[in-house]
Protein backbone atom coordinates (compact mmCIF):
# COMPACT_ATOMS: atom_id res chain seq x y z
CA UNK A 1 0.00 0.00 0.00
CA UNK A 2 1.28 3.48 -0.90
CA UNK A 3 2.01 5.66 2.14
CA UNK A 4 0.65 9.19 1.72
CA UNK A 5 1.18 12.34 3.79
CA UNK A 6 -2.44 13.50 3.46
CA UNK A 7 -4.68 10.44 3.37
CA UNK A 8 -7.85 12.50 2.96
CA UNK A 9 -6.68 13.96 -0.37
CA UNK A 10 -7.08 12.44 -3.85
CA UNK A 11 -3.79 13.85 -5.15
CA UNK A 12 -0.94 11.50 -6.11
CA UNK A 13 1.89 10.73 -3.70
CA UNK A 14 4.21 12.92 -5.76
CA UNK A 15 1.86 15.90 -5.51
CA UNK A 16 1.30 15.36 -1.80
CA UNK A 17 5.03 15.04 -1.05
CA UNK A 18 5.69 18.32 -2.91
CA UNK A 19 2.91 20.02 -0.92
CA UNK A 20 4.20 18.58 2.36
CA UNK A 21 7.75 19.83 1.82
CA UNK A 22 6.49 23.24 0.70
CA UNK A 23 4.54 23.40 3.98
CA UNK A 24 7.44 22.43 6.27
CA UNK A 25 10.27 24.16 4.36
CA UNK A 26 10.55 27.22 6.69
CA UNK A 27 11.30 24.94 9.67
CA UNK A 28 12.78 21.92 7.86
CA UNK A 29 16.48 22.42 8.63
CA UNK A 30 15.81 23.36 12.25
CA UNK A 31 13.58 20.31 12.82
CA UNK A 32 16.00 17.96 11.05
CA UNK A 33 18.86 18.84 13.35
CA UNK A 34 16.68 19.13 16.47
CA UNK A 35 14.84 15.84 16.08
CA UNK A 36 17.96 13.87 15.15
CA UNK A 37 20.14 15.52 17.78
CA UNK A 38 22.39 16.67 14.94
CA UNK A 39 23.37 13.12 14.03
CA UNK A 40 21.94 13.57 10.51
CA UNK A 41 24.93 15.88 9.85
CA UNK A 42 27.36 13.11 10.83
CA UNK A 43 25.53 10.59 8.61
CA UNK A 44 25.92 12.88 5.59
CA UNK A 45 29.60 13.45 6.35
CA UNK A 46 30.15 9.67 6.58
CA UNK A 47 28.44 9.09 3.23
CA UNK A 48 30.45 11.78 1.47
CA UNK A 49 33.73 10.41 2.91
CA UNK A 50 32.91 7.06 1.33
CA UNK A 51 32.73 8.83 -2.05
CA UNK A 52 36.16 10.44 -1.69
CA UNK A 53 38.06 7.60 -3.35
CA UNK A 54 35.90 7.89 -6.49
CA UNK A 55 36.78 11.61 -6.85
CA UNK A 56 33.61 12.54 -8.78
CA UNK A 57 33.79 15.81 -10.68
CA UNK A 58 30.11 16.02 -11.58
CA UNK A 59 27.52 15.11 -8.96
CA UNK A 60 23.73 14.91 -9.07
CA UNK A 61 21.95 15.28 -5.72
CA UNK A 62 18.46 13.78 -5.96
CA UNK A 63 15.65 15.11 -3.71
CA UNK A 64 18.12 17.78 -2.64
CA UNK A 65 15.63 19.67 -0.45
CA UNK A 66 17.45 22.63 1.10
CA UNK A 67 20.76 21.37 -0.30
CA UNK A 68 22.45 19.95 2.82
CA UNK A 69 23.85 16.87 1.05
CA UNK A 70 24.95 18.94 -1.95
CA UNK A 71 26.73 21.37 0.38
CA UNK A 72 28.42 18.48 2.21
CA UNK A 73 29.57 17.12 -1.18
CA UNK A 74 31.67 20.29 -1.65
CA UNK A 75 34.27 18.47 0.47
CA UNK A 76 34.95 16.31 -2.61
CA UNK A 77 36.01 19.42 -4.55
CA UNK A 78 33.84 18.65 -7.61
CA UNK A 79 33.53 20.91 -10.63
CA UNK A 80 29.73 20.89 -10.57
CA UNK A 81 26.89 19.73 -8.31
CA UNK A 82 23.28 19.80 -9.51
CA UNK A 83 20.48 19.36 -6.99
CA UNK A 84 16.96 18.38 -8.07
CA UNK A 85 13.77 18.51 -6.01
CA UNK A 86 10.01 18.71 -6.59
CA UNK A 87 9.45 21.29 -3.82
CA UNK A 88 10.07 24.88 -4.83
CA UNK A 89 9.69 25.88 -1.18
CA UNK A 90 12.64 23.70 -0.16
CA UNK A 91 14.73 24.82 -3.13
CA UNK A 92 14.26 28.50 -2.34
CA UNK A 93 15.74 28.01 1.13
CA UNK A 94 18.55 25.91 -0.34
CA UNK A 95 19.48 28.58 -2.88
CA UNK A 96 19.74 31.18 -0.11
CA UNK A 97 22.07 28.92 1.90
CA UNK A 98 24.28 28.27 -1.12
CA UNK A 99 24.37 31.96 -2.04
CA UNK A 100 25.49 32.86 1.50
CA UNK A 101 28.31 30.33 1.18
CA UNK A 102 29.35 31.91 -2.12
CA UNK A 103 29.09 28.50 -3.82
CA UNK A 104 26.32 29.19 -6.35
CA UNK A 105 28.86 28.87 -9.17
CA UNK A 106 29.43 25.22 -8.15
CA UNK A 107 25.98 24.15 -6.87
CA UNK A 108 22.84 24.66 -8.94
CA UNK A 109 19.42 23.71 -7.58
CA UNK A 110 16.63 22.91 -10.05
CA UNK A 111 12.99 21.98 -9.72
CA UNK A 112 12.42 18.56 -11.26
CA UNK A 113 10.92 15.12 -10.94
CA UNK A 114 13.46 12.64 -9.55
CA UNK A 115 11.67 9.81 -11.37
CA UNK A 116 11.79 11.60 -14.74
CA UNK A 117 15.17 13.28 -14.83
CA UNK A 118 15.69 15.61 -17.78
CA UNK A 119 19.44 14.92 -18.06
CA UNK A 120 21.09 12.94 -20.85
CA UNK A 121 22.28 9.37 -20.30
CA UNK A 122 25.74 9.00 -18.70
CA UNK A 123 25.99 12.62 -17.50
CA UNK A 124 27.23 12.42 -13.88
CA UNK A 125 30.19 10.78 -12.15
CA UNK A 126 28.10 10.26 -9.01
CA UNK A 127 24.44 10.36 -8.01
CA UNK A 128 23.65 10.93 -4.34
CA UNK A 129 20.44 11.13 -2.31
CA UNK A 130 19.80 11.53 1.42
CA UNK A 131 16.42 10.66 2.92
CA UNK A 132 14.67 11.05 -0.43
CA UNK A 133 14.11 7.70 -2.15
CA UNK A 134 11.56 6.82 0.55
CA UNK A 135 9.34 9.53 -0.93
CA UNK A 136 9.44 8.25 -4.52
CA UNK A 137 6.08 7.35 -5.99
CA UNK A 138 7.73 4.45 -7.84
CA UNK A 139 11.00 3.47 -6.15
CA UNK A 140 12.37 1.19 -8.87
CA UNK A 141 11.53 3.69 -11.60
CA UNK A 142 13.33 6.47 -9.74
CA UNK A 143 16.41 4.34 -9.08
CA UNK A 144 16.49 3.19 -12.72
CA UNK A 145 16.49 6.80 -13.91
CA UNK A 146 19.28 7.61 -11.46
CA UNK A 147 21.31 4.78 -12.98
CA UNK A 148 20.56 6.02 -16.50
CA UNK A 149 22.01 9.51 -15.93
CA UNK A 150 25.12 8.18 -14.18
CA UNK A 151 28.27 7.43 -16.17
CA UNK A 152 29.58 3.88 -16.52
CA UNK A 153 32.01 3.40 -13.65
CA UNK A 154 30.13 5.97 -11.55
CA UNK A 155 28.95 5.59 -7.97
CA UNK A 156 25.48 5.97 -6.50
CA UNK A 157 25.18 6.77 -2.79
CA UNK A 158 21.79 6.47 -1.04
CA UNK A 159 21.39 7.48 2.62
CA UNK A 160 18.02 6.50 4.04
CA UNK A 161 16.26 5.79 7.32
CA UNK A 162 15.99 2.20 8.46
CA UNK A 163 14.76 0.42 11.60
CA UNK A 164 16.94 -0.84 14.47
CA UNK A 165 16.37 -4.50 15.27
CA UNK A 166 18.16 -5.00 18.61
CA UNK A 167 16.84 -4.49 22.14
CA UNK A 168 16.48 -1.85 23.59
CA UNK A 169 17.21 0.46 20.64
CA UNK A 170 14.30 -0.97 18.63
CA UNK A 171 11.82 -0.17 21.40
CA UNK A 172 13.25 3.29 22.14
CA UNK A 173 13.36 4.14 18.43
CA UNK A 174 9.74 3.07 17.85
CA UNK A 175 8.48 5.07 20.84
CA UNK A 176 10.41 8.19 19.81
CA UNK A 177 9.54 7.97 16.11
CA UNK A 178 5.87 7.18 16.69
CA UNK A 179 5.10 9.52 19.59
CA UNK A 180 7.61 12.27 20.34
CA UNK A 181 8.87 13.11 16.85
CA UNK A 182 5.40 13.63 15.25
CA UNK A 183 4.25 15.74 18.21
CA UNK A 184 7.26 18.08 18.13
CA UNK A 185 7.17 18.19 14.33
CA UNK A 186 3.50 19.11 14.34
CA UNK A 187 3.96 21.92 16.89
CA UNK A 188 6.98 23.49 15.18
CA UNK A 189 6.11 22.99 11.49
CA UNK A 190 2.33 23.56 11.86
CA UNK A 191 1.78 20.62 9.48
CA UNK A 192 -0.32 17.99 11.23
CA UNK A 193 0.64 15.14 8.89
CA UNK A 194 4.27 15.56 7.79
CA UNK A 195 6.01 13.91 10.72
CA UNK A 196 3.39 11.19 11.09
CA UNK A 197 4.09 10.44 7.43
CA UNK A 198 7.80 10.23 8.27
CA UNK A 199 7.15 7.36 10.70
CA UNK A 200 4.73 5.59 8.36
CA UNK A 201 7.04 5.89 5.35
CA UNK A 202 10.04 4.51 7.26
CA UNK A 203 7.95 1.55 8.44
CA UNK A 204 6.87 0.76 4.87
CA UNK A 205 10.26 1.26 3.22
CA UNK A 206 12.02 -1.87 1.89
CA UNK A 207 15.29 -1.58 3.78
CA UNK A 208 18.45 -3.67 3.85
CA UNK A 209 18.52 -6.69 1.53
CA UNK A 210 15.04 -5.84 0.19
CA UNK A 211 16.29 -2.45 -0.99
CA UNK A 212 19.45 -4.00 -2.43
CA UNK A 213 17.33 -6.29 -4.64
CA UNK A 214 15.46 -3.29 -6.07
CA UNK A 215 18.75 -1.38 -6.37
CA UNK A 216 20.20 -4.21 -8.45
CA UNK A 217 17.10 -4.50 -10.64
CA UNK A 218 17.48 -0.78 -11.38
CA UNK A 219 20.91 -1.51 -12.91
CA UNK A 220 23.39 -1.04 -10.07
CA UNK A 221 26.19 -3.53 -9.38
CA UNK A 222 28.79 -4.08 -6.63
CA UNK A 223 26.09 -3.05 -4.17
CA UNK A 224 26.77 -2.53 -0.47
CA UNK A 225 24.59 -1.94 2.57
CA UNK A 226 26.15 -0.14 5.56
CA UNK A 227 23.93 0.37 8.66
CA UNK A 228 24.66 3.42 10.83
CA UNK A 229 23.94 4.18 14.52
CA UNK A 230 22.37 0.86 15.54
CA UNK A 231 20.53 0.69 12.21
CA UNK A 232 18.63 3.99 12.51
CA UNK A 233 19.87 4.86 9.02
CA UNK A 234 21.66 2.97 6.26
CA UNK A 235 24.05 3.87 3.45
CA UNK A 236 23.53 1.96 0.21
CA UNK A 237 26.25 2.06 -2.45
CA UNK A 238 25.96 0.89 -6.04
CA UNK A 239 28.06 1.21 -9.17
CA UNK A 240 27.33 1.18 -12.88
C-alpha cells in the first residue's frame, strides 16, 4: 500500500510530497537537526567520505531539499553539483544557503521530478540522495532513472532511514519515532501530517537486503549496505 502524507486527499503521492515539503520548508532544517540531535549531519559526512576515493567531478543530488547533502559534497572538490527537487519551497531556502556560502557557481538547484530526470544518459560521475528515495512514488523507476544519468564506472550513494532490530534500541526508536517526533514536528512545522508520514514511510520502506534487490534490478552492481547508529539509518552504495 502506498504511504501518503495526506490520506484525505485524492492527489498522487508525488503531488502530496511536494505540498508537504512546501509546507514544512521554513522549519525543515531546524527540525531535522533538532529531532535527530544533529546526528543527521554526521551521517551525511560519513556518506560523502565514502565517495572520496571515487573523486567525482560532476555530482547529481536527488531530492536535494534545502541542499544539505549537496553542500556536504563540496568536500569532494567537484567541478559541478546539480540538486533536483520537486518542492520549490525547499529549493528557495537551499538557494539562499548556497548563495550565502558563495558556492552558487558550483551548486545549482533545479525543480524537477526525480523519477523523470531531464538529463542525458551518462551525464554524472556520481548520483547521491539523502532521505529522499523513501518519498518516490515508484521506487524502482526512480532508481532506474538515477542509474541512467550516471556514467559507466560511476557511484550511486543512497542514505536513508531504516529500523533498528536489537533491544532496547528498537523499542526506544519506535516510541520516539511514533510519539515524540510527530508531536514536536507538528507543533513546530504547523503541518499535522508531515512527521506522522515520516514514521509511516520509514515503516513501509524496503530496507536492507530488500532495498538492495530493487537497487540491483534498477541496474546497479557491486552493491553494499552499511547500517549506521544501531541501524537507525543505512548507506547503500551501487556502481554502474
